[in-house]
Amino acid sequence: MEKTNYYTKIGPLIKDLRKKSNMSRSQLADDICSVSYITRIENGERCPSSVILRQITNKLGITPEYLFRLIESSGSLQVNELLNQLFFNAERHDFKNIYRLITEKEKELDVKSIQDIQIIKLFKCFSMTMLNQNYQFGIGEIKNILNLTYTEGTVPNDIEFSLMFLYGFFLSLNNQKEEAYTHLINIKEYIKHIKFLHTYAIISRFYMHLICVCLDMSKLKESSEYLDYAIDYCKKNNTHTILPELYFLKSELCYRLKKETAFKSWYNQALRLHKLIKYSDDEHFNTFVQNRLNKLKTS
């Protein structure tokens, strides 16, 4: 690969990854180089040395090899584009579109990275499980996908963590509440050690699933603490598509605490926000609310 081609292509990738990490140029440059040097790298005007490149990628939570793979193969770029689309639809709980994208593209693409294979398998399992409501299938499949890369006792990357909390989510949907709660609490500690996130919705969704389990088990104090944290996290990290569900869960908490006025206020806020940022033809939010209301009626 020609040197010019290398740094004109690597700069925009670093910029994109930095933004996904919600990191400023100043934060990325800290203890590595000047901010102006980072700017010139991102603009394709300077070629970083191998030492600086490794420092930059380490701070972003990836490896230089990950960047080279994207640059050197047009097929890798196509895989990356598919992954971006899958994450976009996952944030909106558009399971039908996730499944459609994978079934249309997976045979066409030459996916060589075990991490990329794992991500695609994750989304395929997630969409199939939710569309078919076969949670026992999801529980078993998630274990198999996680075992592709994860070593027991180590800190997971964001995809491995996603698989872990989906395992807990499927346990809860399979009415294994105690197991789901124990599992989600056990993996919560990993969050502060994850360096790179493909999307901040990963952490938002984790807390939403944990809150649902806590509410189902009448752990109201924990529910309140996690709700306040999750709502603030969504606002700070621009994952607003999850806020309507969190606002509804806040209203559910108020209902369980017999705070009728607060219940109505949060419930109406959830409905208004959903209308403002409506994002899916499948109406996941309405189904979610109805299912939670049905649980309240029978509790």
Protein backbone atom coordinates (compact mmCIF):
# COMPACT_ATOMS: atom_id res chain seq x y z
CA MET A 1 0.00 0.00 0.00
CA GLU A 2 1.33 3.44 -0.91
CA LYS A 3 2.10 5.74 1.98
CA THR A 4 -0.10 8.57 0.62
CA ASN A 5 -3.05 6.21 0.30
CA TYR A 6 -2.47 4.99 3.85
CA TYR A 7 -2.73 8.27 5.73
CA THR A 8 -5.41 9.88 3.55
CA LYS A 9 -7.67 6.92 4.36
CA ILE A 10 -6.71 6.31 7.97
CA GLY A 11 -7.44 9.89 9.13
CA PRO A 12 -11.21 9.87 8.48
CA LEU A 13 -11.47 6.45 10.16
CA ILE A 14 -9.74 7.77 13.29
CA LYS A 15 -12.07 10.77 13.28
CA ASP A 16 -15.15 8.55 12.99
CA LEU A 17 -13.99 6.27 15.82
CA ARG A 18 -13.14 9.26 18.01
CA LYS A 19 -16.63 10.68 17.56
CA LYS A 20 -18.21 7.29 18.30
CA SER A 21 -16.21 7.28 21.54
CA ASN A 22 -17.64 10.73 22.33
CA MET A 23 -14.07 12.01 22.60
CA SER A 24 -12.77 15.47 21.69
CA ARG A 25 -9.56 15.97 19.72
CA SER A 26 -8.03 17.41 22.86
CA GLN A 27 -8.88 14.29 24.85
CA LEU A 28 -7.48 12.01 22.15
CA ALA A 29 -4.28 14.06 21.88
CA ASP A 30 -3.69 14.18 25.66
CA ASP A 31 -0.34 12.56 26.57
CA ILE A 32 0.21 11.56 22.90
CA CYS A 33 0.73 14.61 20.69
CA SER A 34 -0.63 18.09 19.99
CA VAL A 35 -4.27 18.76 19.10
CA SER A 36 -3.14 20.31 15.82
CA TYR A 37 -1.28 17.09 14.98
CA ILE A 38 -4.46 15.04 15.57
CA THR A 39 -6.34 17.50 13.34
CA ARG A 40 -3.82 17.06 10.54
CA ILE A 41 -3.95 13.26 10.87
CA GLU A 42 -7.76 13.27 10.69
CA ASN A 43 -7.65 15.57 7.65
CA GLY A 44 -5.25 13.22 5.87
CA GLU A 45 -2.40 15.74 5.96
CA ARG A 46 0.03 13.83 8.20
CA CYS A 47 1.01 10.19 8.52
CA PRO A 48 1.27 9.11 12.19
CA SER A 49 4.27 7.07 13.23
CA SER A 50 3.68 3.48 14.31
CA VAL A 51 4.22 4.50 17.96
CA ILE A 52 1.69 7.35 17.84
CA LEU A 53 -0.78 5.26 15.85
CA ARG A 54 -0.67 2.51 18.48
CA GLN A 55 -1.15 5.10 21.26
CA ILE A 56 -4.14 6.60 19.42
CA THR A 57 -5.81 3.25 18.73
CA ASN A 58 -5.15 2.07 22.28
CA LYS A 59 -6.96 5.13 23.63
CA LEU A 60 -9.84 4.41 21.22
CA GLY A 61 -9.98 0.83 22.50
CA ILE A 62 -9.00 -0.81 19.20
CA THR A 63 -5.79 -1.98 17.45
CA PRO A 64 -3.89 -0.60 14.46
CA GLU A 65 -4.63 -3.90 12.73
CA TYR A 66 -8.35 -3.08 12.92
CA LEU A 67 -7.76 0.13 10.96
CA PHE A 68 -5.52 -1.57 8.41
CA ARG A 69 -8.19 -4.18 7.78
CA LEU A 70 -10.73 -1.50 6.95
CA ILE A 71 -8.34 0.27 4.61
CA GLU A 72 -6.85 -2.68 2.75
CA SER A 73 -10.06 -4.47 1.78
CA SER A 74 -13.07 -3.06 -0.03
CA GLY A 75 -14.92 -6.08 1.30
CA SER A 76 -14.07 -5.00 4.85
CA LEU A 77 -15.53 -1.58 4.13
CA GLN A 78 -18.75 -3.24 2.97
CA VAL A 79 -18.82 -5.30 6.16
CA ASN A 80 -18.30 -2.14 8.19
CA GLU A 81 -21.19 -0.45 6.38
CA LEU A 82 -23.45 -3.42 7.16
CA LEU A 83 -22.43 -3.28 10.83
CA ASN A 84 -23.26 0.44 10.97
CA GLN A 85 -26.72 -0.28 9.55
CA LEU A 86 -27.27 -3.10 12.03
CA PHE A 87 -26.36 -0.92 15.02
CA PHE A 88 -28.62 1.84 13.67
CA ASN A 89 -31.61 -0.50 13.42
CA ALA A 90 -30.84 -2.16 16.77
CA GLU A 91 -31.13 1.21 18.52
CA ARG A 92 -34.63 1.42 17.06
CA HIS A 93 -35.55 -2.20 17.83
CA ASP A 94 -36.33 -2.78 14.15
CA PHE A 95 -35.87 -6.56 14.29
CA LYS A 96 -37.44 -7.22 10.88
CA ASN A 97 -35.02 -4.91 9.13
CA ILE A 98 -32.05 -6.35 11.04
CA TYR A 99 -32.96 -9.87 9.95
CA ARG A 100 -33.60 -8.72 6.36
CA LEU A 101 -30.22 -6.95 6.13
CA ILE A 102 -28.34 -9.99 7.41
CA THR A 103 -30.09 -12.54 5.21
CA GLU A 104 -29.56 -10.35 2.14
CA LYS A 105 -25.91 -9.49 2.78
CA GLU A 106 -24.19 -12.25 4.75
CA LYS A 107 -23.71 -14.59 1.77
CA GLU A 108 -22.36 -11.77 -0.42
CA LEU A 109 -19.77 -10.48 2.03
CA ASP A 110 -16.37 -11.99 2.71
CA VAL A 111 -16.30 -11.64 6.51
CA LYS A 112 -12.84 -12.63 7.75
CA SER A 113 -12.66 -11.02 11.19
CA ILE A 114 -13.87 -13.22 14.03
CA GLN A 115 -15.13 -10.07 15.77
CA ASP A 116 -17.24 -9.10 12.75
CA ILE A 117 -18.58 -12.64 12.47
CA GLN A 118 -19.50 -12.43 16.15
CA ILE A 119 -21.35 -9.12 15.71
CA ILE A 120 -23.35 -10.43 12.76
CA LYS A 121 -24.21 -13.62 14.65
CA LEU A 122 -25.27 -11.50 17.64
CA PHE A 123 -27.70 -9.45 15.55
CA LYS A 124 -29.05 -12.50 13.75
CA CYS A 125 -29.70 -14.27 17.06
CA PHE A 126 -31.21 -11.12 18.60
CA SER A 127 -33.61 -10.51 15.72
CA MET A 128 -34.63 -14.18 15.36
CA THR A 129 -35.22 -14.56 19.09
CA MET A 130 -37.36 -11.44 19.33
CA LEU A 131 -39.34 -12.10 16.15
CA ASN A 132 -40.06 -15.73 17.10
CA GLN A 133 -40.26 -15.09 20.86
CA ASN A 134 -38.19 -18.24 21.36
CA TYR A 135 -36.15 -17.10 24.34
CA GLN A 136 -34.76 -20.53 25.18
CA PHE A 137 -33.18 -20.59 21.72
CA GLY A 138 -31.70 -17.14 22.35
CA ILE A 139 -30.22 -18.18 25.71
CA GLY A 140 -28.39 -21.15 24.18
CA GLU A 141 -27.26 -19.31 21.06
CA ILE A 142 -25.88 -16.33 22.97
CA LYS A 143 -23.62 -18.66 24.98
CA ASN A 144 -22.24 -20.19 21.77
CA ILE A 145 -21.57 -16.80 20.15
CA LEU A 146 -19.88 -15.41 23.27
CA ASN A 147 -17.57 -18.43 23.42
CA LEU A 148 -16.15 -17.53 19.99
CA THR A 149 -13.91 -14.89 21.60
CA TYR A 150 -14.48 -14.46 25.31
CA THR A 151 -12.17 -15.88 27.98
CA GLU A 152 -13.86 -16.39 31.35
CA GLY A 153 -12.79 -13.87 33.99
CA THR A 154 -11.40 -11.26 31.58
CA VAL A 155 -12.87 -7.81 30.89
CA PRO A 156 -15.18 -8.08 27.86
CA ASN A 157 -15.16 -5.70 24.92
CA ASP A 158 -18.41 -3.92 24.09
CA ILE A 159 -19.72 -6.70 21.82
CA GLU A 160 -18.95 -9.41 24.36
CA PHE A 161 -20.68 -7.27 27.00
CA SER A 162 -23.69 -6.89 24.69
CA LEU A 163 -23.88 -10.67 24.41
CA MET A 164 -23.67 -10.96 28.18
CA PHE A 165 -26.52 -8.58 28.88
CA LEU A 166 -28.64 -10.07 26.08
CA TYR A 167 -28.23 -13.39 27.87
CA GLY A 168 -29.68 -11.77 31.00
CA PHE A 169 -32.42 -10.11 28.95
CA PHE A 170 -33.49 -13.42 27.42
CA LEU A 171 -33.46 -15.03 30.88
CA SER A 172 -35.90 -12.36 32.09
CA LEU A 173 -38.16 -12.81 29.05
CA ASN A 174 -38.09 -16.55 29.78
CA ASN A 175 -39.44 -15.77 33.29
CA GLN A 176 -36.12 -16.64 34.97
CA LYS A 177 -36.09 -13.40 36.95
CA GLU A 178 -33.74 -14.39 39.77
CA GLU A 179 -31.16 -15.76 37.35
CA ALA A 180 -31.48 -12.67 35.16
CA TYR A 181 -31.04 -10.27 38.09
CA THR A 182 -27.99 -12.11 39.47
CA HIS A 183 -26.38 -12.27 36.04
CA LEU A 184 -26.96 -8.58 35.19
CA ILE A 185 -25.70 -7.41 38.58
CA ASN A 186 -22.58 -9.57 38.20
CA ILE A 187 -21.63 -8.07 34.83
CA LYS A 188 -22.44 -4.42 35.74
CA GLU A 189 -18.91 -3.94 37.07
CA TYR A 190 -17.47 -4.44 33.58
CA ILE A 191 -19.01 -1.23 32.25
CA LYS A 192 -16.39 1.13 33.65
CA HIS A 193 -13.58 -0.94 32.08
CA ILE A 194 -14.90 -0.96 28.49
CA LYS A 195 -12.73 1.44 26.46
CA PHE A 196 -14.58 1.54 23.13
CA LEU A 197 -18.29 1.43 22.32
CA HIS A 198 -19.72 0.92 18.84
CA THR A 199 -22.75 2.78 20.19
CA TYR A 200 -23.66 4.28 23.57
CA ALA A 201 -27.03 2.55 23.27
CA ILE A 202 -25.26 -0.60 24.51
CA ILE A 203 -24.96 0.82 28.03
CA SER A 204 -28.41 2.45 27.91
CA ARG A 205 -30.03 -0.84 26.94
CA PHE A 206 -28.18 -2.73 29.66
CA TYR A 207 -29.61 -0.43 32.32
CA MET A 208 -33.08 -0.57 30.82
CA HIS A 209 -33.09 -4.38 31.02
CA LEU A 210 -31.71 -4.29 34.57
CA ILE A 211 -34.39 -1.78 35.61
CA CYS A 212 -37.16 -3.97 34.17
CA VAL A 213 -35.91 -6.96 36.16
CA CYS A 214 -35.63 -4.87 39.34
CA LEU A 215 -39.20 -3.61 38.92
CA ASP A 216 -40.48 -7.13 38.28
CA MET A 217 -38.83 -8.26 41.51
CA SER A 218 -40.10 -5.20 43.47
CA LYS A 219 -36.56 -3.92 44.05
CA LEU A 220 -37.88 -0.36 43.95
CA LYS A 221 -34.95 1.45 45.55
CA GLU A 222 -32.51 -0.08 43.06
CA SER A 223 -34.92 0.68 40.23
CA SER A 224 -35.00 4.34 41.22
CA GLU A 225 -31.20 4.64 41.36
CA TYR A 226 -30.67 2.93 38.01
CA LEU A 227 -33.45 4.94 36.36
CA ASP A 228 -31.98 8.29 37.38
CA TYR A 229 -28.55 7.20 36.17
CA ALA A 230 -29.83 5.75 32.86
CA ILE A 231 -31.95 8.81 31.99
CA ASP A 232 -29.00 11.11 32.66
CA TYR A 233 -26.69 8.82 30.66
CA CYS A 234 -29.04 8.87 27.63
CA LYS A 235 -29.24 12.65 27.67
CA LYS A 236 -25.47 13.08 27.95
CA ASN A 237 -24.64 10.54 25.25
CA ASN A 238 -27.43 11.32 22.78
CA THR A 239 -29.25 7.98 22.95
CA HIS A 240 -32.66 9.62 23.00
CA THR A 241 -34.44 6.75 21.24
CA ILE A 242 -34.36 4.84 24.55
CA LEU A 243 -35.68 7.72 26.68
CA PRO A 244 -39.42 7.07 26.07
CA GLU A 245 -39.05 3.56 27.50
CA LEU A 246 -37.08 4.86 30.47
CA TYR A 247 -39.68 7.58 31.10
CA PHE A 248 -42.38 4.92 31.06
CA LEU A 249 -40.40 2.79 33.52
CA LYS A 250 -40.14 5.88 35.73
CA SER A 251 -43.94 6.16 35.61
CA GLU A 252 -44.22 2.46 36.46
CA LEU A 253 -41.98 2.97 39.48
CA CYS A 254 -44.20 5.85 40.64
CA TYR A 255 -47.27 3.64 40.21
CA ARG A 256 -45.70 0.91 42.34
CA LEU A 257 -44.83 3.55 44.96
CA LYS A 258 -48.48 4.74 44.85
CA LYS A 259 -47.49 8.21 43.63
CA GLU A 260 -50.43 8.79 41.31
CA THR A 261 -49.63 12.35 40.24
CA ALA A 262 -46.01 11.51 39.43
CA PHE A 263 -47.16 8.37 37.60
CA LYS A 264 -49.41 10.40 35.28
CA SER A 265 -46.74 13.02 34.70
CA TRP A 266 -44.01 10.55 33.69
CA TYR A 267 -46.45 8.44 31.66
CA ASN A 268 -47.57 11.48 29.64
CA GLN A 269 -43.94 12.56 29.16
CA ALA A 270 -43.13 9.11 27.79
CA LEU A 271 -46.00 9.26 25.28
CA ARG A 272 -45.14 12.81 24.16
CA LEU A 273 -41.47 12.00 23.69
CA HIS A 274 -42.32 8.86 21.74
CA LYS A 275 -44.40 10.90 19.30
CA LEU A 276 -41.56 13.40 18.86
CA ILE A 277 -38.89 10.80 18.08
CA LYS A 278 -40.99 7.98 16.63
CA TYR A 279 -38.51 5.73 14.87
CA SER A 280 -39.94 2.34 13.90
CA ASP A 281 -42.83 1.00 11.86
CA ASP A 282 -42.99 -1.98 14.21
CA GLU A 283 -44.19 0.16 17.13
CA HIS A 284 -41.88 -1.48 19.63
CA PHE A 285 -42.64 1.22 22.18
CA ASN A 286 -46.40 0.58 22.17
CA THR A 287 -45.86 -3.15 22.59
CA PHE A 288 -43.35 -2.54 25.38
CA VAL A 289 -45.78 -0.23 27.25
CA GLN A 290 -48.71 -2.61 26.85
CA ASN A 291 -46.70 -5.56 28.15
CA ARG A 292 -45.53 -3.58 31.18
CA LEU A 293 -49.09 -2.35 31.90
CA ASN A 294 -50.39 -5.91 31.72
CA LYS A 295 -47.78 -6.92 34.31
CA LEU A 296 -48.92 -4.11 36.59
CA LYS A 297 -52.52 -5.25 36.38
CA THR A 298 -51.62 -8.80 37.41
CA SER A 299 -49.07 -7.87 40.10
